[in-house]
Structures are given as C-alpha cells and as structure tokens.
Protein backbone atom coordinates (compact mmCIF):
# COMPACT_ATOMS: atom_id res chain seq x y z
CA ILE A 1 15.17 2.43 16.05
CA GLN A 2 17.24 3.39 13.06
CA ASP A 3 20.48 2.14 14.62
CA SER A 4 19.10 -1.37 15.30
CA LEU A 5 17.70 -1.48 11.75
CA LYS A 6 21.08 -0.58 10.22
CA ALA A 7 22.76 -3.28 12.29
CA GLN A 8 20.49 -5.81 10.62
CA GLY A 9 21.03 -4.35 7.14
CA VAL A 10 17.44 -3.03 6.92
CA ILE A 11 16.92 0.07 4.80
CA PHE A 12 14.10 2.42 5.90
CA GLU A 13 14.18 5.70 3.96
CA ASN A 14 12.10 8.39 2.36
CA MET A 15 11.49 7.26 -1.24
CA ASP A 16 13.28 10.33 -2.68
CA VAL A 17 16.38 9.60 -0.54
CA ALA A 18 16.31 5.87 -1.40
CA LEU A 19 16.37 6.69 -5.12
CA GLN A 20 19.58 8.71 -4.62
CA LYS A 21 21.28 6.22 -2.23
CA TYR A 22 20.19 2.90 -3.78
CA PRO A 23 19.31 3.66 -7.41
CA GLU A 24 19.79 0.11 -8.76
CA LEU A 25 17.67 -1.52 -6.05
CA VAL A 26 14.90 1.01 -6.55
CA LYS A 27 14.94 0.85 -10.37
CA GLU A 28 14.83 -2.95 -10.36
CA HIS A 29 11.53 -3.00 -8.40
CA PHE A 30 9.89 0.39 -9.13
CA MET A 31 6.69 0.28 -11.24
CA SER A 32 7.78 -2.62 -13.42
CA LYS A 33 6.38 -6.07 -12.68
CA CYS A 34 4.31 -5.25 -9.61
CA VAL A 35 2.42 -2.10 -10.61
CA PRO A 36 3.26 -1.32 -14.25
CA MET A 37 3.23 2.33 -15.17
CA THR A 38 0.66 1.56 -17.88
CA ASP A 39 -1.74 -0.22 -15.50
CA HIS A 40 -4.39 2.55 -15.79
CA LYS A 41 -4.51 6.33 -16.22
CA PHE A 42 -3.92 7.13 -12.54
CA THR A 43 -0.77 4.98 -12.37
CA MET A 44 0.51 6.78 -15.46
CA LEU A 45 -0.14 10.11 -13.82
CA HIS A 46 1.51 8.83 -10.59
CA ALA A 47 4.59 7.59 -12.48
CA ALA A 48 4.96 10.99 -14.13
CA VAL A 49 4.75 13.21 -11.05
CA TRP A 50 5.32 11.04 -7.94
CA SER A 51 7.29 12.40 -4.95
CA GLY A 52 7.94 11.28 -1.43
CA GLY A 53 6.79 8.07 0.20
CA THR A 54 8.48 5.16 1.92
CA PHE A 55 11.19 2.69 0.91
CA ILE A 56 11.91 -0.46 2.91
CA TYR A 57 14.29 -3.27 2.12
CA VAL A 58 14.61 -6.24 4.47
CA PRO A 59 17.57 -8.56 3.83
CA LYS A 60 17.36 -12.36 3.63
CA GLY A 61 16.34 -14.02 6.89
CA VAL A 62 15.93 -10.80 8.83
CA LYS A 63 12.79 -10.49 11.00
CA VAL A 64 12.09 -6.95 12.05
CA ALA A 65 10.58 -7.12 15.57
CA LEU A 66 8.92 -3.70 15.76
CA PRO A 67 6.38 -2.37 13.24
CA LEU A 68 7.74 0.44 11.04
CA GLN A 69 5.44 3.43 10.59
CA ALA A 70 4.83 6.36 8.28
CA TYR A 71 2.20 9.09 8.15
CA PHE A 72 1.09 11.05 5.07
CA ARG A 73 -0.87 14.28 5.25
CA MET A 74 -2.03 16.83 2.68
CA ASN A 75 -1.56 20.31 4.16
CA SER A 76 -2.75 22.67 1.44
CA ALA A 77 -6.04 23.22 -0.32
CA ARG A 78 -6.73 22.10 -3.92
CA SER A 79 -3.66 19.91 -3.97
CA ALA A 80 -2.69 16.45 -5.09
CA GLN A 81 -0.51 13.86 -3.41
CA PHE A 82 1.42 11.09 -5.21
CA GLU A 83 3.51 9.40 -2.58
CA HIS A 84 5.05 5.98 -3.42
CA THR A 85 5.57 3.10 -0.98
CA LEU A 86 7.93 0.33 -2.04
CA ILE A 87 8.64 -2.58 0.37
CA ILE A 88 10.99 -5.40 -0.61
CA ALA A 89 11.05 -8.37 1.76
CA ASP A 90 13.88 -10.68 0.68
CA GLU A 91 13.81 -14.47 1.17
CA GLY A 92 12.75 -15.62 4.64
CA SER A 93 12.37 -12.13 6.05
CA GLU A 94 9.47 -10.54 7.99
CA ILE A 95 8.20 -6.99 8.24
CA THR A 96 5.13 -5.17 9.59
CA TYR A 97 4.40 -1.70 8.24
CA ILE A 98 1.74 0.78 9.41
CA GLU A 99 0.67 3.72 7.29
CA GLY A 100 -1.65 6.58 8.24
CA CYS A 101 -3.22 9.09 5.86
CA SER A 102 -5.27 12.22 6.48
CA ALA A 103 -6.06 15.73 5.22
CA PRO A 104 -7.70 18.79 6.80
CA GLN A 105 -11.06 19.96 5.49
CA TYR A 106 -10.99 22.61 2.75
CA THR A 107 -13.72 24.01 0.51
CA GLU A 108 -12.00 22.83 -2.67
CA SER A 109 -11.32 19.27 -3.79
CA SER A 110 -8.06 17.38 -3.47
CA LEU A 111 -6.68 14.25 -5.12
CA HIS A 112 -4.76 11.38 -3.58
CA ALA A 113 -3.29 8.99 -6.15
CA GLY A 114 -0.60 7.11 -4.28
CA CYS A 115 0.94 3.73 -5.09
CA VAL A 116 2.02 0.84 -2.92
CA GLU A 117 4.19 -2.05 -4.20
CA LEU A 118 5.02 -5.01 -2.03
CA TRP A 119 7.59 -7.62 -3.08
CA VAL A 120 7.17 -10.75 -0.91
CA LYS A 121 9.97 -13.11 -1.88
CA LYS A 122 10.38 -16.82 -1.12
CA GLY A 123 9.28 -17.66 2.43
CA ALA A 124 8.93 -13.98 3.41
CA ARG A 125 6.03 -12.38 5.28
CA VAL A 126 4.80 -8.81 4.92
CA LYS A 127 1.94 -7.30 7.00
CA TYR A 128 0.76 -3.98 5.59
CA ILE A 129 -1.65 -1.96 7.78
CA SER A 130 -3.25 1.22 6.43
CA VAL A 131 -5.70 3.64 8.07
CA GLU A 132 -6.98 6.28 5.63
CA ASN A 133 -9.07 9.10 7.07
CA TRP A 134 -9.06 11.72 4.38
CA SER A 135 -11.29 14.85 4.53
CA LYS A 136 -14.66 14.68 2.75
CA ASN A 137 -13.46 16.67 -0.27
CA THR A 138 -10.66 14.28 -1.15
CA TYR A 139 -10.77 11.87 -4.08
CA ASN A 140 -8.77 8.86 -2.96
CA LEU A 141 -7.80 6.85 -6.04
CA ASN A 142 -5.05 4.66 -4.75
CA THR A 143 -3.25 1.63 -6.25
CA LYS A 144 -1.88 -1.15 -4.03
CA LYS A 145 -0.46 -4.51 -5.18
CA ALA A 146 1.73 -7.31 -3.86
CA LEU A 147 3.78 -9.89 -5.75
CA VAL A 148 4.01 -13.05 -3.62
CA PHE A 149 6.59 -15.72 -4.43
CA GLU A 150 7.00 -19.33 -3.23
CA ASP A 151 5.74 -19.90 0.34
CA GLY A 152 5.47 -16.13 0.88
CA THR A 153 2.65 -14.52 2.83
CA VAL A 154 1.12 -11.04 2.52
CA GLU A 155 -1.39 -9.66 5.01
CA TRP A 156 -3.43 -6.55 4.16
CA VAL A 157 -5.31 -4.62 6.85
CA ASN A 158 -7.17 -1.60 5.53
CA GLY A 159 -9.37 0.87 7.36
CA ASN A 160 -11.11 3.41 5.13
CA MET A 161 -13.03 6.39 6.52
CA GLY A 162 -13.31 9.96 5.32
CA SER A 163 -12.84 11.07 1.67
CA HIS A 164 -15.51 12.09 -0.83
CA THR A 165 -14.81 9.11 -3.08
CA THR A 166 -12.50 6.20 -2.58
CA MET A 167 -11.62 3.49 -5.16
CA LEU A 168 -9.21 1.02 -3.59
CA TYR A 169 -8.68 -2.71 -4.25
CA PRO A 170 -5.42 -3.99 -2.71
CA SER A 171 -4.37 -6.88 -4.94
CA SER A 172 -2.25 -9.93 -4.30
CA VAL A 173 -0.64 -11.74 -7.23
CA LEU A 174 0.21 -15.26 -6.02
CA LEU A 175 3.02 -16.10 -8.44
CA GLU A 176 4.47 -19.32 -7.13
CA ARG A 177 3.48 -22.50 -5.25
CA GLY A 178 2.52 -22.04 -1.63
CA ALA A 179 1.97 -18.25 -1.88
CA ARG A 180 -0.67 -16.96 0.54
CA SER A 181 -2.70 -13.78 0.90
CA GLU A 182 -4.99 -12.58 3.70
CA SER A 183 -6.96 -9.35 3.53
CA LEU A 184 -9.16 -7.62 6.07
CA GLY A 185 -10.94 -4.41 5.03
CA ILE A 186 -13.12 -2.20 7.29
CA VAL A 187 -15.04 0.60 5.57
CA MET A 188 -17.19 3.46 6.93
CA ALA A 189 -19.31 5.49 4.49
CA SER A 190 -21.28 8.42 5.95
CA GLU A 191 -23.23 11.28 4.40
CA GLY A 192 -21.90 12.40 0.99
CA GLN A 193 -19.36 9.58 0.78
CA THR A 194 -18.78 6.80 -1.76
CA GLN A 195 -16.47 4.02 -0.63
CA ASP A 196 -15.70 1.61 -3.52
CA THR A 197 -13.33 -0.78 -1.78
CA GLY A 198 -12.42 -4.45 -1.56
CA SER A 199 -9.56 -6.77 -2.33
CA LYS A 200 -8.31 -8.97 -5.17
CA ALA A 201 -6.36 -12.21 -5.23
CA ILE A 202 -4.94 -13.55 -8.46
CA HIS A 203 -3.93 -17.23 -8.25
CA LEU A 204 -1.26 -18.02 -10.87
CA ALA A 205 0.23 -21.10 -9.28
CA PRO A 206 -0.91 -24.32 -7.58
CA ASP A 207 -1.38 -24.66 -3.81
CA THR A 208 -1.99 -20.93 -3.37
CA ILE A 209 -4.41 -19.66 -0.72
CA SER A 210 -6.29 -16.40 -0.29
CA VAL A 211 -8.73 -15.18 2.33
CA ILE A 212 -10.67 -11.95 1.91
CA ARG A 213 -12.79 -10.46 4.68
CA SER A 214 -14.60 -7.16 4.14
CA LYS A 215 -16.86 -5.33 6.62
CA SER A 216 -18.66 -2.13 5.75
CA ILE A 217 -21.04 0.33 7.42
CA SER A 218 -23.12 2.88 5.51
CA LYS A 219 -25.16 5.56 7.25
CA GLY A 220 -26.79 8.89 6.44
CA GLY A 221 -26.93 8.13 2.72
CA GLY A 222 -23.30 7.01 2.43
CA VAL A 223 -22.59 4.48 -0.28
CA SER A 224 -20.35 1.42 0.22
CA ASN A 225 -19.55 -0.67 -2.88
CA TYR A 226 -17.83 -4.03 -2.74
C-alpha cells in the first residue's frame, strides 16, 4: 500500500530511515514534550541507545483507510530492544496502527524498553493497537504516551501476555478542550509472571473525557497488578 500512502502524502518509514529523510520533523516531535528523555531511568536509557521502530506522519485532513502494521521480534539471547514508535496525526486526520511484539524462549533474560509517542492534533483520531507476547524471560519495561489536542481522540487497545515482568501504563495527556481518550487493556498472567499494567489519563483542559477499561486473568500463581 506504499504507493497509495505516498499519493496522500502519508509517511510510513522505519524510524532510522525517517531520521535521515525528515530530520526536522523527527527532531521537533522526538522525546521532547510527549515523552521527555528525563521521564525516568528507562526513558533515559532508551534515548541513549534506541534503534529501529516506526515513524508515521499523516497530513492534515487525510484519513488512512487501511490499518498500518509493524512487528518487532527479539532474535538473540541475552539481548535488549529499544525500538521507538513515533506517530504524528496532523489536524483532522485519522490513522489506525497495529503493533505486534514477541521473542523466542531462551535460558537467559532479555530486556525490552521501547517507547511510543503519539501526537494527536486538533480534530485528529489515532487508534493504537498492540499485542505483546514476549517470552517468559523478558522484562518488558515499556513507555507509551499520547498528547491529545483540541477535539482529538486517541484509542489504546493493549493485549499483554508472555514476559517475566511487564510494567506498562499507556498514558493520555488531554491538553486542550474536547480532547478524548479511550483505553482497553487485556492482560493474562500465568505461572511465574507479573503483569503490572493499566492506563493513565491526565485531564489538563475542560470538557475532556477519558474511559479506561481493564480486564485481567491470573492463573497458576501469576500476578496481575492494576
């Protein structure tokens, strides 16, 4: 679908490529107001060593009909992954993005400390869907946040299985009047797993709305924190 995207002015690139092709656009939005580099120690680590990921820019008024998809996988033992996803939906635009994550089972531990930044500008709508099924020796310490401007809407759909330990709280910062956030989280914690997941909505303007739905299942001694 790349040809149809280009005809609409949509940019859909690997994050490394986007930094080379569109440096000013990336630098304006990368780890500044949305997820500051100094947010916590894992964002500082991520900012220092990140590589790969997804970059999407949707121009004003463009509604992308088909969902865009990416898949991240850790293929070596005792490794760490720091992919960065940056989505910018300009005024009045719409985009749905689906992300899948997994890792094979190794005897040694791995770390996933990715970062997702969503810019939902005036009247725009972004739907972000993530299914994370890491192996049971992966520490999943991910940071996801959206900045939502006037009359913008962000929808989070997160499915979390696998991993040894997950700490994940997708956050929506409702900056201007009429901003809206909806979040649906589905969590499965089985033997030997701790799933510390949920959502956050920060209301900084009047007439803002957020809905958070979280469903979790624990079995065989698995721990699910909300």
